[in-house]
């Protein structure tokens, strides 16, 4: 099962993602957590992302997309819930391409509004 979760920060998509993850054994892929992992690990992408985050800026697509694609490739066979990605048209196109290349599909999409 592969799920896309959309909603503004603080809307509860992370909370719902955690519940769904535990219930169905899915990987919970969250861009913020991916950034924190790469920053802590000191990867090249993480160091570049940290510079943007420290300045209060959004991490650009050329850094965000490779990190998310890597997480999707490593996801377990049960599937994933992708929390807060894509956020732009270019991210959506990249996600569509990646899903097609990995022979995956999106089963459900949910949006939480405030």
PDB file of N, CA and C in Angstrom:
ATOM      1  N   UNK A   1       0.857  -1.172   0.000  1.00  0.00           N
ATOM      2  CA  UNK A   1       0.000   0.000   0.000  1.00  0.00           C
ATOM      3  C   UNK A   1       0.902   1.234   0.000  1.00  0.00           C
ATOM      4  N   UNK A   2       0.583   2.174  -0.876  1.00  0.00           N
ATOM      5  CA  UNK A   2       1.359   3.420  -0.971  1.00  0.00           C
ATOM      6  C   UNK A   2       0.391   4.595  -0.895  1.00  0.00           C
ATOM      7  N   UNK A   3       0.680   5.511   0.037  1.00  0.00           N
ATOM      8  CA  UNK A   3      -0.248   6.588   0.359  1.00  0.00           C
ATOM      9  C   UNK A   3       0.465   7.927   0.305  1.00  0.00           C
ATOM     10  N   UNK A   4      -0.198   8.935  -0.272  1.00  0.00           N
ATOM     11  CA  UNK A   4       0.281  10.316  -0.229  1.00  0.00           C
ATOM     12  C   UNK A   4      -0.577  11.069   0.776  1.00  0.00           C
ATOM     13  N   UNK A   5       0.066  11.806   1.678  1.00  0.00           N
ATOM     14  CA  UNK A   5      -0.642  12.587   2.683  1.00  0.00           C
ATOM     15  C   UNK A   5      -0.322  14.063   2.482  1.00  0.00           C
ATOM     16  N   UNK A   6      -1.359  14.879   2.364  1.00  0.00           N
ATOM     17  CA  UNK A   6      -1.185  16.309   2.152  1.00  0.00           C
ATOM     18  C   UNK A   6      -1.869  17.095   3.258  1.00  0.00           C
ATOM     19  N   UNK A   7      -1.329  18.264   3.538  1.00  0.00           N
ATOM     20  CA  UNK A   7      -1.922  19.171   4.499  1.00  0.00           C
ATOM     21  C   UNK A   7      -0.881  20.136   5.002  1.00  0.00           C
ATOM     22  N   UNK A   8      -1.317  21.274   5.520  1.00  0.00           N
ATOM     23  CA  UNK A   8      -0.357  22.254   6.041  1.00  0.00           C
ATOM     24  C   UNK A   8       0.328  21.752   7.306  1.00  0.00           C
ATOM     25  N   UNK A   9       1.440  22.389   7.647  1.00  0.00           N
ATOM     26  CA  UNK A   9       2.141  22.051   8.887  1.00  0.00           C
ATOM     27  C   UNK A   9       1.165  22.173  10.055  1.00  0.00           C
ATOM     28  N   UNK A  10       1.210  21.191  10.929  1.00  0.00           N
ATOM     29  CA  UNK A  10       0.359  21.209  12.108  1.00  0.00           C
ATOM     30  C   UNK A  10      -1.056  20.707  11.872  1.00  0.00           C
ATOM     31  N   UNK A  11      -1.351  20.191  10.678  1.00  0.00           N
ATOM     32  CA  UNK A  11      -2.719  19.749  10.379  1.00  0.00           C
ATOM     33  C   UNK A  11      -3.021  18.347  10.894  1.00  0.00           C
ATOM     34  N   UNK A  12      -1.982  17.585  11.232  1.00  0.00           N
ATOM     35  CA  UNK A  12      -2.197  16.245  11.756  1.00  0.00           C
ATOM     36  C   UNK A  12      -1.801  15.131  10.816  1.00  0.00           C
ATOM     37  N   UNK A  13      -1.235  15.481   9.668  1.00  0.00           N
ATOM     38  CA  UNK A  13      -0.862  14.420   8.728  1.00  0.00           C
ATOM     39  C   UNK A  13       0.238  13.536   9.298  1.00  0.00           C
ATOM     40  N   UNK A  14       1.137  14.090  10.078  1.00  0.00           N
ATOM     41  CA  UNK A  14       2.177  13.288  10.721  1.00  0.00           C
ATOM     42  C   UNK A  14       1.587  12.338  11.749  1.00  0.00           C
ATOM     43  N   UNK A  15       0.623  12.826  12.505  1.00  0.00           N
ATOM     44  CA  UNK A  15      -0.054  11.991  13.500  1.00  0.00           C
ATOM     45  C   UNK A  15      -0.802  10.851  12.810  1.00  0.00           C
ATOM     46  N   UNK A  16      -1.554  11.190  11.766  1.00  0.00           N
ATOM     47  CA  UNK A  16      -2.279  10.164  11.023  1.00  0.00           C
ATOM     48  C   UNK A  16      -1.306   9.206  10.351  1.00  0.00           C
ATOM     49  N   UNK A  17      -0.195   9.744   9.830  1.00  0.00           N
ATOM     50  CA  UNK A  17       0.823   8.906   9.203  1.00  0.00           C
ATOM     51  C   UNK A  17       1.386   7.885  10.169  1.00  0.00           C
ATOM     52  N   UNK A  18       1.619   8.299  11.395  1.00  0.00           N
ATOM     53  CA  UNK A  18       2.144   7.391  12.415  1.00  0.00           C
ATOM     54  C   UNK A  18       1.139   6.280  12.724  1.00  0.00           C
ATOM     55  N   UNK A  19      -0.125   6.649  12.823  1.00  0.00           N
ATOM     56  CA  UNK A  19      -1.171   5.654  13.097  1.00  0.00           C
ATOM     57  C   UNK A  19      -1.250   4.641  11.954  1.00  0.00           C
ATOM     58  N   UNK A  20      -1.251   5.141  10.725  1.00  0.00           N
ATOM     59  CA  UNK A  20      -1.324   4.262   9.552  1.00  0.00           C
ATOM     60  C   UNK A  20      -0.076   3.389   9.464  1.00  0.00           C
ATOM     61  N   UNK A  21       1.078   3.982   9.726  1.00  0.00           N
ATOM     62  CA  UNK A  21       2.348   3.234   9.702  1.00  0.00           C
ATOM     63  C   UNK A  21       2.277   2.048  10.653  1.00  0.00           C
ATOM     64  N   UNK A  22       1.857   2.309  11.885  1.00  0.00           N
ATOM     65  CA  UNK A  22       1.814   1.251  12.890  1.00  0.00           C
ATOM     66  C   UNK A  22       0.765   0.195  12.555  1.00  0.00           C
ATOM     67  N   UNK A  23      -0.363   0.622  12.049  1.00  0.00           N
ATOM     68  CA  UNK A  23      -1.451  -0.321  11.766  1.00  0.00           C
ATOM     69  C   UNK A  23      -1.125  -1.254  10.603  1.00  0.00           C
ATOM     70  N   UNK A  24      -0.457  -0.709   9.564  1.00  0.00           N
ATOM     71  CA  UNK A  24      -0.229  -1.492   8.348  1.00  0.00           C
ATOM     72  C   UNK A  24       1.236  -1.852   8.106  1.00  0.00           C
ATOM     73  N   UNK A  25       2.134  -1.437   8.987  1.00  0.00           N
ATOM     74  CA  UNK A  25       3.545  -1.777   8.842  1.00  0.00           C
ATOM     75  C   UNK A  25       4.236  -1.064   7.685  1.00  0.00           C
ATOM     76  N   UNK A  26       3.782   0.142   7.378  1.00  0.00           N
ATOM     77  CA  UNK A  26       4.345   0.900   6.275  1.00  0.00           C
ATOM     78  C   UNK A  26       5.529   1.742   6.738  1.00  0.00           C
ATOM     79  N   UNK A  27       6.371   2.140   5.799  1.00  0.00           N
ATOM     80  CA  UNK A  27       7.398   3.136   6.093  1.00  0.00           C
ATOM     81  C   UNK A  27       6.736   4.511   6.058  1.00  0.00           C
ATOM     82  N   UNK A  28       7.059   5.347   7.047  1.00  0.00           N
ATOM     83  CA  UNK A  28       6.544   6.716   7.086  1.00  0.00           C
ATOM     84  C   UNK A  28       7.667   7.618   6.575  1.00  0.00           C
ATOM     85  N   UNK A  29       7.511   8.099   5.356  1.00  0.00           N
ATOM     86  CA  UNK A  29       8.537   8.915   4.715  1.00  0.00           C
ATOM     87  C   UNK A  29       8.105  10.366   4.808  1.00  0.00           C
ATOM     88  N   UNK A  30       8.857  11.128   5.594  1.00  0.00           N
ATOM     89  CA  UNK A  30       8.540  12.534   5.847  1.00  0.00           C
ATOM     90  C   UNK A  30       9.763  13.362   5.486  1.00  0.00           C
ATOM     91  N   UNK A  31       9.572  14.371   4.651  1.00  0.00           N
ATOM     92  CA  UNK A  31      10.719  15.150   4.173  1.00  0.00           C
ATOM     93  C   UNK A  31      11.520  15.761   5.317  1.00  0.00           C
ATOM     94  N   UNK A  32      10.856  16.279   6.328  1.00  0.00           N
ATOM     95  CA  UNK A  32      11.577  16.872   7.458  1.00  0.00           C
ATOM     96  C   UNK A  32      12.469  15.863   8.164  1.00  0.00           C
ATOM     97  N   UNK A  33      11.962  14.655   8.352  1.00  0.00           N
ATOM     98  CA  UNK A  33      12.753  13.596   8.988  1.00  0.00           C
ATOM     99  C   UNK A  33      13.919  13.184   8.097  1.00  0.00           C
ATOM    100  N   UNK A  34      13.691  13.162   6.791  1.00  0.00           N
ATOM    101  CA  UNK A  34      14.763  12.834   5.855  1.00  0.00           C
ATOM    102  C   UNK A  34      15.876  13.879   5.953  1.00  0.00           C
ATOM    103  N   UNK A  35      15.493  15.160   6.016  1.00  0.00           N
ATOM    104  CA  UNK A  35      16.501  16.220   6.164  1.00  0.00           C
ATOM    105  C   UNK A  35      17.294  16.023   7.449  1.00  0.00           C
ATOM    106  N   UNK A  36      16.586  15.773   8.554  1.00  0.00           N
ATOM    107  CA  UNK A  36      17.268  15.592   9.844  1.00  0.00           C
ATOM    108  C   UNK A  36      18.237  14.410   9.791  1.00  0.00           C
ATOM    109  N   UNK A  37      17.829  13.329   9.152  1.00  0.00           N
ATOM    110  CA  UNK A  37      18.696  12.151   9.027  1.00  0.00           C
ATOM    111  C   UNK A  37      19.968  12.496   8.250  1.00  0.00           C
ATOM    112  N   UNK A  38      19.816  13.136   7.110  1.00  0.00           N
ATOM    113  CA  UNK A  38      20.980  13.474   6.281  1.00  0.00           C
ATOM    114  C   UNK A  38      21.887  14.497   6.969  1.00  0.00           C
ATOM    115  N   UNK A  39      21.287  15.434   7.686  1.00  0.00           N
ATOM    116  CA  UNK A  39      22.094  16.427   8.421  1.00  0.00           C
ATOM    117  C   UNK A  39      22.892  15.736   9.512  1.00  0.00           C
ATOM    118  N   UNK A  40      22.225  14.877  10.280  1.00  0.00           N
ATOM    119  CA  UNK A  40      22.904  14.159  11.363  1.00  0.00           C
ATOM    120  C   UNK A  40      24.015  13.265  10.829  1.00  0.00           C
ATOM    121  N   UNK A  41      23.764  12.626   9.665  1.00  0.00           N
ATOM    122  CA  UNK A  41      24.756  11.730   9.067  1.00  0.00           C
ATOM    123  C   UNK A  41      25.894  12.492   8.382  1.00  0.00           C
ATOM    124  N   UNK A  42      25.704  13.802   8.208  1.00  0.00           N
ATOM    125  CA  UNK A  42      26.744  14.612   7.588  1.00  0.00           C
ATOM    126  C   UNK A  42      26.922  14.358   6.105  1.00  0.00           C
ATOM    127  N   UNK A  43      25.846  13.899   5.428  1.00  0.00           N
ATOM    128  CA  UNK A  43      25.958  13.656   3.994  1.00  0.00           C
ATOM    129  C   UNK A  43      26.084  14.987   3.254  1.00  0.00           C
ATOM    130  N   UNK A  44      26.549  14.907   2.031  1.00  0.00           N
ATOM    131  CA  UNK A  44      26.690  16.122   1.213  1.00  0.00           C
ATOM    132  C   UNK A  44      25.341  16.812   1.047  1.00  0.00           C
ATOM    133  N   UNK A  45      24.304  16.023   0.744  1.00  0.00           N
ATOM    134  CA  UNK A  45      22.963  16.597   0.609  1.00  0.00           C
ATOM    135  C   UNK A  45      22.489  17.203   1.928  1.00  0.00           C
ATOM    136  N   UNK A  46      22.789  16.523   3.025  1.00  0.00           N
ATOM    137  CA  UNK A  46      22.390  17.016   4.335  1.00  0.00           C
ATOM    138  C   UNK A  46      23.048  18.336   4.691  1.00  0.00           C
ATOM    139  N   UNK A  47      24.325  18.456   4.399  1.00  0.00           N
ATOM    140  CA  UNK A  47      25.040  19.708   4.690  1.00  0.00           C
ATOM    141  C   UNK A  47      24.491  20.854   3.849  1.00  0.00           C
ATOM    142  N   UNK A  48      24.191  20.567   2.596  1.00  0.00           N
ATOM    143  CA  UNK A  48      23.610  21.605   1.737  1.00  0.00           C
ATOM    144  C   UNK A  48      22.217  21.998   2.229  1.00  0.00           C
ATOM    145  N   UNK A  49      21.416  21.003   2.604  1.00  0.00           N
ATOM    146  CA  UNK A  49      20.067  21.273   3.111  1.00  0.00           C
ATOM    147  C   UNK A  49      20.125  22.094   4.392  1.00  0.00           C
ATOM    148  N   UNK A  50      21.073  21.776   5.262  1.00  0.00           N
ATOM    149  CA  UNK A  50      21.217  22.482   6.534  1.00  0.00           C
ATOM    150  C   UNK A  50      21.463  23.970   6.320  1.00  0.00           C
ATOM    151  N   UNK A  51      22.241  24.306   5.308  1.00  0.00           N
ATOM    152  CA  UNK A  51      22.520  25.711   5.025  1.00  0.00           C
ATOM    153  C   UNK A  51      21.218  26.462   4.708  1.00  0.00           C
ATOM    154  N   UNK A  52      20.333  25.852   3.942  1.00  0.00           N
ATOM    155  CA  UNK A  52      19.054  26.489   3.633  1.00  0.00           C
ATOM    156  C   UNK A  52      18.165  26.575   4.870  1.00  0.00           C
ATOM    157  N   UNK A  53      18.103  25.482   5.607  1.00  0.00           N
ATOM    158  CA  UNK A  53      17.254  25.433   6.800  1.00  0.00           C
ATOM    159  C   UNK A  53      17.719  26.454   7.833  1.00  0.00           C
ATOM    160  N   UNK A  54      19.026  26.547   8.045  1.00  0.00           N
ATOM    161  CA  UNK A  54      19.572  27.499   9.017  1.00  0.00           C
ATOM    162  C   UNK A  54      19.246  28.946   8.664  1.00  0.00           C
ATOM    163  N   UNK A  55      19.080  29.217   7.375  1.00  0.00           N
ATOM    164  CA  UNK A  55      18.726  30.572   6.931  1.00  0.00           C
ATOM    165  C   UNK A  55      17.213  30.790   6.917  1.00  0.00           C
ATOM    166  N   UNK A  56      16.457  29.753   7.269  1.00  0.00           N
ATOM    167  CA  UNK A  56      15.004  29.862   7.286  1.00  0.00           C
ATOM    168  C   UNK A  56      14.373  29.723   5.917  1.00  0.00           C
ATOM    169  N   UNK A  57      15.107  29.141   4.970  1.00  0.00           N
ATOM    170  CA  UNK A  57      14.604  28.972   3.609  1.00  0.00           C
ATOM    171  C   UNK A  57      14.160  27.531   3.372  1.00  0.00           C
ATOM    172  N   UNK A  58      13.309  27.352   2.368  1.00  0.00           N
ATOM    173  CA  UNK A  58      12.929  26.006   1.959  1.00  0.00           C
ATOM    174  C   UNK A  58      14.092  25.344   1.251  1.00  0.00           C
ATOM    175  N   UNK A  59      14.241  24.055   1.457  1.00  0.00           N
ATOM    176  CA  UNK A  59      15.288  23.300   0.769  1.00  0.00           C
ATOM    177  C   UNK A  59      14.842  23.139  -0.682  1.00  0.00           C
ATOM    178  N   UNK A  60      15.696  23.495  -1.649  1.00  0.00           N
ATOM    179  CA  UNK A  60      15.289  23.434  -3.059  1.00  0.00           C
ATOM    180  C   UNK A  60      15.092  22.003  -3.554  1.00  0.00           C
ATOM    181  N   UNK A  61      14.342  21.910  -4.648  1.00  0.00           N
ATOM    182  CA  UNK A  61      14.001  20.610  -5.229  1.00  0.00           C
ATOM    183  C   UNK A  61      15.219  19.773  -5.582  1.00  0.00           C
ATOM    184  N   UNK A  62      16.295  20.400  -6.042  1.00  0.00           N
ATOM    185  CA  UNK A  62      17.457  19.607  -6.469  1.00  0.00           C
ATOM    186  C   UNK A  62      18.130  18.898  -5.299  1.00  0.00           C
ATOM    187  N   UNK A  63      17.791  19.278  -4.074  1.00  0.00           N
ATOM    188  CA  UNK A  63      18.268  18.561  -2.886  1.00  0.00           C
ATOM    189  C   UNK A  63      17.169  17.664  -2.311  1.00  0.00           C
ATOM    190  N   UNK A  64      15.948  18.176  -2.276  1.00  0.00           N
ATOM    191  CA  UNK A  64      14.835  17.438  -1.680  1.00  0.00           C
ATOM    192  C   UNK A  64      14.504  16.178  -2.469  1.00  0.00           C
ATOM    193  N   UNK A  65      14.373  16.308  -3.761  1.00  0.00           N
ATOM    194  CA  UNK A  65      13.936  15.179  -4.590  1.00  0.00           C
ATOM    195  C   UNK A  65      14.867  13.971  -4.469  1.00  0.00           C
ATOM    196  N   UNK A  66      16.198  14.141  -4.584  1.00  0.00           N
ATOM    197  CA  UNK A  66      17.059  12.950  -4.445  1.00  0.00           C
ATOM    198  C   UNK A  66      16.929  12.262  -3.087  1.00  0.00           C
ATOM    199  N   UNK A  67      16.728  13.041  -2.033  1.00  0.00           N
ATOM    200  CA  UNK A  67      16.579  12.443  -0.707  1.00  0.00           C
ATOM    201  C   UNK A  67      15.299  11.613  -0.626  1.00  0.00           C
ATOM    202  N   UNK A  68      14.213  12.133  -1.152  1.00  0.00           N
ATOM    203  CA  UNK A  68      12.936  11.412  -1.106  1.00  0.00           C
ATOM    204  C   UNK A  68      12.990  10.181  -2.007  1.00  0.00           C
ATOM    205  N   UNK A  69      13.569  10.321  -3.190  1.00  0.00           N
ATOM    206  CA  UNK A  69      13.695   9.180  -4.104  1.00  0.00           C
ATOM    207  C   UNK A  69      14.490   8.058  -3.439  1.00  0.00           C
ATOM    208  N   UNK A  70      15.564   8.407  -2.756  1.00  0.00           N
ATOM    209  CA  UNK A  70      16.369   7.400  -2.045  1.00  0.00           C
ATOM    210  C   UNK A  70      15.527   6.672  -1.004  1.00  0.00           C
ATOM    211  N   UNK A  71      14.708   7.421  -0.251  1.00  0.00           N
ATOM    212  CA  UNK A  71      13.856   6.802   0.768  1.00  0.00           C
ATOM    213  C   UNK A  71      12.821   5.876   0.129  1.00  0.00           C
ATOM    214  N   UNK A  72      12.250   6.282  -0.992  1.00  0.00           N
ATOM    215  CA  UNK A  72      11.280   5.424  -1.678  1.00  0.00           C
ATOM    216  C   UNK A  72      11.925   4.127  -2.148  1.00  0.00           C
ATOM    217  N   UNK A  73      13.140   4.230  -2.656  1.00  0.00           N
ATOM    218  CA  UNK A  73      13.849   3.039  -3.133  1.00  0.00           C
ATOM    219  C   UNK A  73      14.150   2.070  -1.994  1.00  0.00           C
ATOM    220  N   UNK A  74      14.346   2.600  -0.790  1.00  0.00           N
ATOM    221  CA  UNK A  74      14.675   1.768   0.364  1.00  0.00           C
ATOM    222  C   UNK A  74      13.432   1.281   1.113  1.00  0.00           C
ATOM    223  N   UNK A  75      12.247   1.710   0.695  1.00  0.00           N
ATOM    224  CA  UNK A  75      11.035   1.385   1.445  1.00  0.00           C
ATOM    225  C   UNK A  75      10.772  -0.115   1.452  1.00  0.00           C
ATOM    226  N   UNK A  76      10.061  -0.539   2.475  1.00  0.00           N
ATOM    227  CA  UNK A  76       9.784  -1.979   2.614  1.00  0.00           C
ATOM    228  C   UNK A  76       8.725  -2.436   1.616  1.00  0.00           C
ATOM    229  N   UNK A  77       8.569  -3.730   1.498  1.00  0.00           N
ATOM    230  CA  UNK A  77       7.650  -4.314   0.524  1.00  0.00           C
ATOM    231  C   UNK A  77       6.182  -4.036   0.844  1.00  0.00           C
ATOM    232  N   UNK A  78       5.893  -3.725   2.105  1.00  0.00           N
ATOM    233  CA  UNK A  78       4.509  -3.436   2.469  1.00  0.00           C
ATOM    234  C   UNK A  78       4.051  -2.090   1.930  1.00  0.00           C
ATOM    235  N   UNK A  79       5.013  -1.174   1.706  1.00  0.00           N
ATOM    236  CA  UNK A  79       4.669   0.123   1.148  1.00  0.00           C
ATOM    237  C   UNK A  79       5.082   1.269   2.044  1.00  0.00           C
ATOM    238  N   UNK A  80       4.493   2.439   1.777  1.00  0.00           N
ATOM    239  CA  UNK A  80       4.888   3.653   2.475  1.00  0.00           C
ATOM    240  C   UNK A  80       3.742   4.644   2.526  1.00  0.00           C
ATOM    241  N   UNK A  81       3.895   5.562   3.445  1.00  0.00           N
ATOM    242  CA  UNK A  81       3.054   6.753   3.467  1.00  0.00           C
ATOM    243  C   UNK A  81       4.007   7.926   3.307  1.00  0.00           C
ATOM    244  N   UNK A  82       3.775   8.715   2.287  1.00  0.00           N
ATOM    245  CA  UNK A  82       4.639   9.846   1.967  1.00  0.00           C
ATOM    246  C   UNK A  82       3.959  11.098   2.495  1.00  0.00           C
ATOM    247  N   UNK A  83       4.586  11.719   3.471  1.00  0.00           N
ATOM    248  CA  UNK A  83       4.005  12.801   4.253  1.00  0.00           C
ATOM    249  C   UNK A  83       4.596  14.141   3.816  1.00  0.00           C
ATOM    250  N   UNK A  84       3.768  14.985   3.196  1.00  0.00           N
ATOM    251  CA  UNK A  84       4.190  16.341   2.870  1.00  0.00           C
ATOM    252  C   UNK A  84       5.013  16.479   1.599  1.00  0.00           C
ATOM    253  N   UNK A  85       5.019  15.490   0.786  1.00  0.00           N
ATOM    254  CA  UNK A  85       5.726  15.530  -0.491  1.00  0.00           C
ATOM    255  C   UNK A  85       4.844  14.842  -1.499  1.00  0.00           C
ATOM    256  N   UNK A  86       4.638  15.434  -2.647  1.00  0.00           N
ATOM    257  CA  UNK A  86       5.261  16.618  -3.226  1.00  0.00           C
ATOM    258  C   UNK A  86       4.584  17.916  -2.782  1.00  0.00           C
ATOM    259  N   UNK A  87       5.357  18.991  -2.837  1.00  0.00           N
ATOM    260  CA  UNK A  87       4.851  20.326  -2.498  1.00  0.00           C
ATOM    261  C   UNK A  87       4.855  21.274  -3.696  1.00  0.00           C
ATOM    262  N   UNK A  88       5.367  20.817  -4.806  1.00  0.00           N
ATOM    263  CA  UNK A  88       5.428  21.667  -6.001  1.00  0.00           C
ATOM    264  C   UNK A  88       5.163  20.805  -7.235  1.00  0.00           C
ATOM    265  N   UNK A  89       4.903  21.464  -8.337  1.00  0.00           N
ATOM    266  CA  UNK A  89       4.659  20.744  -9.576  1.00  0.00           C
ATOM    267  C   UNK A  89       5.890  19.949 -10.006  1.00  0.00           C
ATOM    268  N   UNK A  90       7.072  20.527  -9.847  1.00  0.00           N
ATOM    269  CA  UNK A  90       8.288  19.794 -10.244  1.00  0.00           C
ATOM    270  C   UNK A  90       8.496  18.569  -9.351  1.00  0.00           C
ATOM    271  N   UNK A  91       8.175  18.681  -8.061  1.00  0.00           N
ATOM    272  CA  UNK A  91       8.273  17.529  -7.177  1.00  0.00           C
ATOM    273  C   UNK A  91       7.249  16.468  -7.565  1.00  0.00           C
ATOM    274  N   UNK A  92       6.054  16.889  -7.935  1.00  0.00           N
ATOM    275  CA  UNK A  92       5.016  15.940  -8.338  1.00  0.00           C
ATOM    276  C   UNK A  92       5.433  15.190  -9.602  1.00  0.00           C
ATOM    277  N   UNK A  93       6.001  15.910 -10.546  1.00  0.00           N
ATOM    278  CA  UNK A  93       6.462  15.259 -11.774  1.00  0.00           C
ATOM    279  C   UNK A  93       7.572  14.262 -11.486  1.00  0.00           C
ATOM    280  N   UNK A  94       8.502  14.649 -10.625  1.00  0.00           N
ATOM    281  CA  UNK A  94       9.596  13.758 -10.258  1.00  0.00           C
ATOM    282  C   UNK A  94       9.067  12.521  -9.542  1.00  0.00           C
ATOM    283  N   UNK A  95       8.114  12.717  -8.647  1.00  0.00           N
ATOM    284  CA  UNK A  95       7.518  11.586  -7.935  1.00  0.00           C
ATOM    285  C   UNK A  95       6.829  10.650  -8.919  1.00  0.00           C
ATOM    286  N   UNK A  96       6.084  11.199  -9.843  1.00  0.00           N
ATOM    287  CA  UNK A  96       5.401  10.383 -10.845  1.00  0.00           C
ATOM    288  C   UNK A  96       6.408   9.557 -11.642  1.00  0.00           C
ATOM    289  N   UNK A  97       7.490  10.182 -12.053  1.00  0.00           N
ATOM    290  CA  UNK A  97       8.549   9.495 -12.799  1.00  0.00           C
ATOM    291  C   UNK A  97       9.178   8.378 -11.971  1.00  0.00           C
ATOM    292  N   UNK A  98       9.486   8.691 -10.724  1.00  0.00           N
ATOM    293  CA  UNK A  98      10.124   7.721  -9.835  1.00  0.00           C
ATOM    294  C   UNK A  98       9.217   6.516  -9.596  1.00  0.00           C
ATOM    295  N   UNK A  99       7.957   6.788  -9.317  1.00  0.00           N
ATOM    296  CA  UNK A  99       7.003   5.711  -9.075  1.00  0.00           C
ATOM    297  C   UNK A  99       6.897   4.808 -10.299  1.00  0.00           C
ATOM    298  N   UNK A 100       6.846   5.421 -11.463  1.00  0.00           N
ATOM    299  CA  UNK A 100       6.774   4.638 -12.710  1.00  0.00           C
ATOM    300  C   UNK A 100       8.045   3.811 -12.893  1.00  0.00           C
ATOM    301  N   UNK A 101       9.216   4.436 -12.688  1.00  0.00           N
ATOM    302  CA  UNK A 101      10.495   3.740 -12.869  1.00  0.00           C
ATOM    303  C   UNK A 101      10.666   2.577 -11.899  1.00  0.00           C
ATOM    304  N   UNK A 102      10.093   2.702 -10.696  1.00  0.00           N
ATOM    305  CA  UNK A 102      10.207   1.653  -9.682  1.00  0.00           C
ATOM    306  C   UNK A 102       9.047   0.652  -9.745  1.00  0.00           C
ATOM    307  N   UNK A 103       8.206   0.787 -10.756  1.00  0.00           N
ATOM    308  CA  UNK A 103       7.030  -0.076 -10.908  1.00  0.00           C
ATOM    309  C   UNK A 103       6.140  -0.051  -9.670  1.00  0.00           C
ATOM    310  N   UNK A 104       5.941   1.140  -9.130  1.00  0.00           N
ATOM    311  CA  UNK A 104       5.063   1.337  -7.979  1.00  0.00           C
ATOM    312  C   UNK A 104       3.791   2.032  -8.457  1.00  0.00           C
ATOM    313  N   UNK A 105       2.858   2.149  -7.557  1.00  0.00           N
ATOM    314  CA  UNK A 105       1.642   2.913  -7.806  1.00  0.00           C
ATOM    315  C   UNK A 105       1.235   3.590  -6.500  1.00  0.00           C
ATOM    316  N   UNK A 106       0.436   4.623  -6.594  1.00  0.00           N
ATOM    317  CA  UNK A 106      -0.136   5.269  -5.413  1.00  0.00           C
ATOM    318  C   UNK A 106      -1.539   4.697  -5.242  1.00  0.00           C
ATOM    319  N   UNK A 107      -1.797   4.164  -4.061  1.00  0.00           N
ATOM    320  CA  UNK A 107      -3.086   3.536  -3.796  1.00  0.00           C
ATOM    321  C   UNK A 107      -4.112   4.501  -3.218  1.00  0.00           C
ATOM    322  N   UNK A 108      -3.641   5.411  -2.339  1.00  0.00           N
ATOM    323  CA  UNK A 108      -4.546   6.342  -1.679  1.00  0.00           C
ATOM    324  C   UNK A 108      -3.881   7.705  -1.540  1.00  0.00           C
ATOM    325  N   UNK A 109      -4.720   8.726  -1.553  1.00  0.00           N
ATOM    326  CA  UNK A 109      -4.275  10.092  -1.298  1.00  0.00           C
ATOM    327  C   UNK A 109      -5.239  10.670  -0.298  1.00  0.00           C
ATOM    328  N   UNK A 110      -4.705  11.314   0.750  1.00  0.00           N
ATOM    329  CA  UNK A 110      -5.595  12.031   1.651  1.00  0.00           C
ATOM    330  C   UNK A 110      -5.043  13.400   1.958  1.00  0.00           C
ATOM    331  N   UNK A 111      -5.975  14.327   2.150  1.00  0.00           N
ATOM    332  CA  UNK A 111      -5.624  15.715   2.450  1.00  0.00           C
ATOM    333  C   UNK A 111      -6.331  16.122   3.723  1.00  0.00           C
ATOM    334  N   UNK A 112      -5.582  16.767   4.608  1.00  0.00           N
ATOM    335  CA  UNK A 112      -6.143  17.274   5.843  1.00  0.00           C
ATOM    336  C   UNK A 112      -6.162  18.785   5.753  1.00  0.00           C
ATOM    337  N   UNK A 113      -7.311  19.377   6.006  1.00  0.00           N
ATOM    338  CA  UNK A 113      -7.440  20.833   5.986  1.00  0.00           C
ATOM    339  C   UNK A 113      -7.621  21.341   7.409  1.00  0.00           C
ATOM    340  N   UNK A 114      -7.153  22.559   7.632  1.00  0.00           N
ATOM    341  CA  UNK A 114      -7.335  23.175   8.945  1.00  0.00           C
ATOM    342  C   UNK A 114      -8.653  23.891   9.001  1.00  0.00           C
TER     343      UNK A 114
END
